[in-house]
Amino acid sequence: VAERAGVSRRAVYLHFASRGELLAALFDYLNEVEDRDTAFRPLWEAADGIAALDARARVAADFLPRIMPTARAIQQAAHHDPDATRHWELATAFRYEGCRRAIERLADEGRLAPQWTVRTGADMLLALSSFDVIDLLLNEREWTPEELADHLSALYRRVFVAQEMVG
């Protein structure tokens, strides 16, 4: 980071107390530049639970890959840096809230498949949209973001929506 910024390592540490604090600032900056709020707005404003699932798939395919390298760096730093740990927990909580919101919408509408509770459904939706899954499909298997969004939407509907309601 110091080299790319054209400053000494010491100068970087004058501004940031730890690597985790630096990564957190970078992650916050990326969320702002990549406009996280706009990316998640369709999820928050979805007309119903199925539309919320579709919006969550779109976030996974379009927004998460843009922040993935920094997110992974913070995730690694979280193993040994308390600042990074706190930031990783906040970022994960935000992603989880989006998952929970979609599953709660289905439950409120009576559309949630019977094997799920809001908690277990939100947990599984978070896991199915993990950085590992996204990275594997986009980078290793070379899916396009459109293919990923379409297939995630179909998967989410099949898994979380009561079968008589799948459209």
Protein backbone atom coordinates (compact mmCIF):
# COMPACT_ATOMS: atom_id res chain seq x y z
CA VAL A 1 0.00 0.00 0.00
CA ALA A 2 2.81 2.39 0.93
CA GLU A 3 4.63 1.73 -2.32
CA ARG A 4 1.49 2.26 -4.45
CA ALA A 5 0.73 5.47 -2.54
CA GLY A 6 4.29 6.71 -2.99
CA VAL A 7 4.94 7.04 0.74
CA SER A 8 6.98 5.20 3.33
CA ARG A 9 5.56 2.36 5.41
CA ARG A 10 6.10 4.57 8.43
CA ALA A 11 3.86 7.25 6.90
CA VAL A 12 1.10 4.68 6.42
CA TYR A 13 1.33 3.65 10.08
CA LEU A 14 1.14 7.30 11.16
CA HIS A 15 -2.37 7.34 9.68
CA PHE A 16 -3.44 3.79 10.50
CA ALA A 17 -2.71 2.09 13.81
CA SER A 18 -2.78 -1.41 12.33
CA ARG A 19 -3.07 -3.36 9.12
CA GLY A 20 -6.66 -4.13 10.07
CA GLU A 21 -7.48 -0.44 10.44
CA LEU A 22 -5.94 0.25 7.02
CA LEU A 23 -7.91 -2.59 5.44
CA ALA A 24 -11.11 -1.43 7.12
CA ALA A 25 -10.62 2.09 5.75
CA LEU A 26 -9.96 0.66 2.30
CA PHE A 27 -13.05 -1.54 2.53
CA ASP A 28 -15.20 1.40 3.62
CA TYR A 29 -13.82 3.43 0.72
CA LEU A 30 -14.60 0.63 -1.74
CA ASN A 31 -18.16 0.33 -0.42
CA GLU A 32 -18.56 4.05 -1.04
CA VAL A 33 -16.95 4.02 -4.50
CA GLU A 34 -18.84 0.89 -5.54
CA ASP A 35 -22.02 2.42 -4.06
CA ARG A 36 -23.07 -0.39 -1.74
CA ASP A 37 -26.28 1.39 -0.80
CA THR A 38 -27.46 1.56 -4.41
CA ALA A 39 -26.46 -2.07 -5.01
CA PHE A 40 -28.53 -3.24 -2.02
CA ARG A 41 -31.50 -0.88 -2.58
CA PRO A 42 -33.47 -3.34 -4.77
CA LEU A 43 -33.23 -5.87 -1.94
CA TRP A 44 -34.48 -3.41 0.68
CA GLU A 45 -37.25 -2.15 -1.63
CA ALA A 46 -38.33 -5.48 -3.17
CA ALA A 47 -42.08 -5.85 -3.73
CA ASP A 48 -42.13 -9.34 -2.20
CA GLY A 49 -39.95 -12.15 -0.91
CA ILE A 50 -39.26 -13.69 -4.31
CA ALA A 51 -38.17 -10.31 -5.68
CA ALA A 52 -35.95 -9.95 -2.60
CA LEU A 53 -34.30 -13.33 -3.36
CA ASP A 54 -33.73 -12.24 -6.96
CA ALA A 55 -32.23 -8.95 -5.75
CA ARG A 56 -29.95 -10.86 -3.35
CA ALA A 57 -28.73 -12.98 -6.28
CA ARG A 58 -27.99 -9.81 -8.25
CA VAL A 59 -25.98 -8.37 -5.33
CA ALA A 60 -23.99 -11.61 -5.14
CA ALA A 61 -23.24 -11.54 -8.87
CA ASP A 62 -22.62 -7.83 -9.40
CA PHE A 63 -21.55 -6.10 -6.19
CA LEU A 64 -19.73 -8.71 -4.10
CA PRO A 65 -17.13 -9.56 -6.79
CA ARG A 66 -16.08 -5.90 -6.93
CA ILE A 67 -15.21 -5.85 -3.23
CA MET A 68 -14.04 -9.45 -2.95
CA PRO A 69 -10.23 -8.95 -2.99
CA THR A 70 -10.38 -6.42 -0.16
CA ALA A 71 -12.99 -8.43 1.73
CA ARG A 72 -10.77 -11.50 1.59
CA ALA A 73 -7.77 -9.50 2.84
CA ILE A 74 -9.83 -8.30 5.80
CA GLN A 75 -11.10 -11.82 6.42
CA GLN A 76 -7.49 -13.09 6.56
CA ALA A 77 -6.37 -10.24 8.81
CA ALA A 78 -9.31 -10.93 11.13
CA HIS A 79 -7.58 -14.10 12.30
CA HIS A 80 -4.96 -12.04 14.15
CA ASP A 81 -6.00 -8.37 14.14
CA PRO A 82 -8.80 -7.14 16.45
CA ASP A 83 -9.56 -4.11 14.20
CA ALA A 84 -9.98 -6.37 11.19
CA THR A 85 -12.06 -8.79 13.26
CA ARG A 86 -14.49 -6.03 14.26
CA HIS A 87 -14.75 -4.78 10.71
CA TRP A 88 -15.25 -8.29 9.29
CA GLU A 89 -18.02 -8.90 11.82
CA LEU A 90 -19.76 -5.64 10.83
CA ALA A 91 -19.47 -6.41 7.11
CA THR A 92 -20.77 -9.95 7.62
CA ALA A 93 -23.64 -8.63 9.74
CA PHE A 94 -24.63 -6.27 6.90
CA ARG A 95 -24.59 -9.11 4.34
CA TYR A 96 -26.49 -11.34 6.78
CA GLU A 97 -29.14 -8.67 7.30
CA GLY A 98 -29.84 -8.67 3.56
CA CYS A 99 -30.23 -12.44 3.62
CA ARG A 100 -32.44 -12.30 6.68
CA ARG A 101 -34.62 -9.65 5.12
CA ALA A 102 -35.32 -11.76 2.04
CA ILE A 103 -36.12 -14.85 4.11
CA GLU A 104 -38.31 -12.87 6.54
CA ARG A 105 -40.28 -11.51 3.60
CA LEU A 106 -40.97 -15.04 2.40
CA ALA A 107 -41.97 -16.13 5.89
CA ASP A 108 -44.26 -13.12 6.38
CA GLU A 109 -45.96 -13.92 3.06
CA GLY A 110 -46.41 -17.60 3.95
CA ARG A 111 -44.07 -18.55 1.08
CA LEU A 112 -41.06 -19.87 3.01
CA ALA A 113 -40.49 -23.58 2.36
CA PRO A 114 -41.51 -25.57 5.46
CA GLN A 115 -38.07 -27.00 6.24
CA TRP A 116 -36.69 -23.51 6.99
CA THR A 117 -36.93 -21.09 9.85
CA VAL A 118 -35.98 -17.46 9.30
CA ARG A 119 -32.68 -18.09 11.10
CA THR A 120 -31.71 -21.27 9.24
CA GLY A 121 -32.86 -19.86 5.90
CA ALA A 122 -30.87 -16.65 6.39
CA ASP A 123 -27.82 -18.68 7.46
CA MET A 124 -28.04 -20.86 4.35
CA LEU A 125 -28.65 -17.91 2.03
CA LEU A 126 -25.53 -16.23 3.44
CA ALA A 127 -23.52 -19.43 2.86
CA LEU A 128 -24.84 -19.87 -0.69
CA SER A 129 -23.72 -16.33 -1.53
CA SER A 130 -20.32 -16.62 0.13
CA PHE A 131 -17.20 -15.19 -1.47
CA ASP A 132 -15.94 -18.76 -2.02
CA VAL A 133 -19.00 -19.70 -4.08
CA ILE A 134 -18.91 -16.47 -6.07
CA ASP A 135 -15.17 -16.72 -6.72
CA LEU A 136 -15.39 -20.35 -7.81
CA LEU A 137 -18.19 -19.76 -10.29
CA LEU A 138 -17.03 -16.43 -11.73
CA ASN A 139 -13.29 -16.94 -11.79
CA GLU A 140 -12.57 -20.66 -11.84
CA ARG A 141 -15.62 -21.83 -13.81
CA GLU A 142 -15.76 -18.57 -15.83
CA TRP A 143 -19.47 -17.89 -15.48
CA THR A 144 -20.60 -14.42 -16.45
CA PRO A 145 -22.22 -12.24 -13.78
CA GLU A 146 -25.52 -12.62 -15.66
CA GLU A 147 -25.28 -16.43 -15.59
CA LEU A 148 -24.42 -16.33 -11.90
CA ALA A 149 -27.35 -14.05 -11.05
CA ASP A 150 -29.80 -16.14 -13.09
CA HIS A 151 -28.67 -19.46 -11.63
CA LEU A 152 -28.51 -18.13 -8.07
CA SER A 153 -32.05 -16.78 -8.46
CA ALA A 154 -33.28 -20.16 -9.68
CA LEU A 155 -31.44 -21.95 -6.86
CA TYR A 156 -32.73 -19.58 -4.17
CA ARG A 157 -36.30 -19.95 -5.41
CA ARG A 158 -36.07 -23.73 -5.53
CA VAL A 159 -34.50 -23.98 -2.08
CA PHE A 160 -36.37 -21.33 -0.09
CA VAL A 161 -39.80 -20.87 -1.68
CA ALA A 162 -42.58 -23.33 -0.85
CA GLN A 163 -42.80 -25.50 -3.97
CA GLU A 164 -46.42 -24.72 -4.74
CA MET A 165 -45.38 -21.05 -4.91
CA VAL A 166 -42.33 -21.35 -7.18
CA GLY A 167 -42.99 -19.42 -10.35
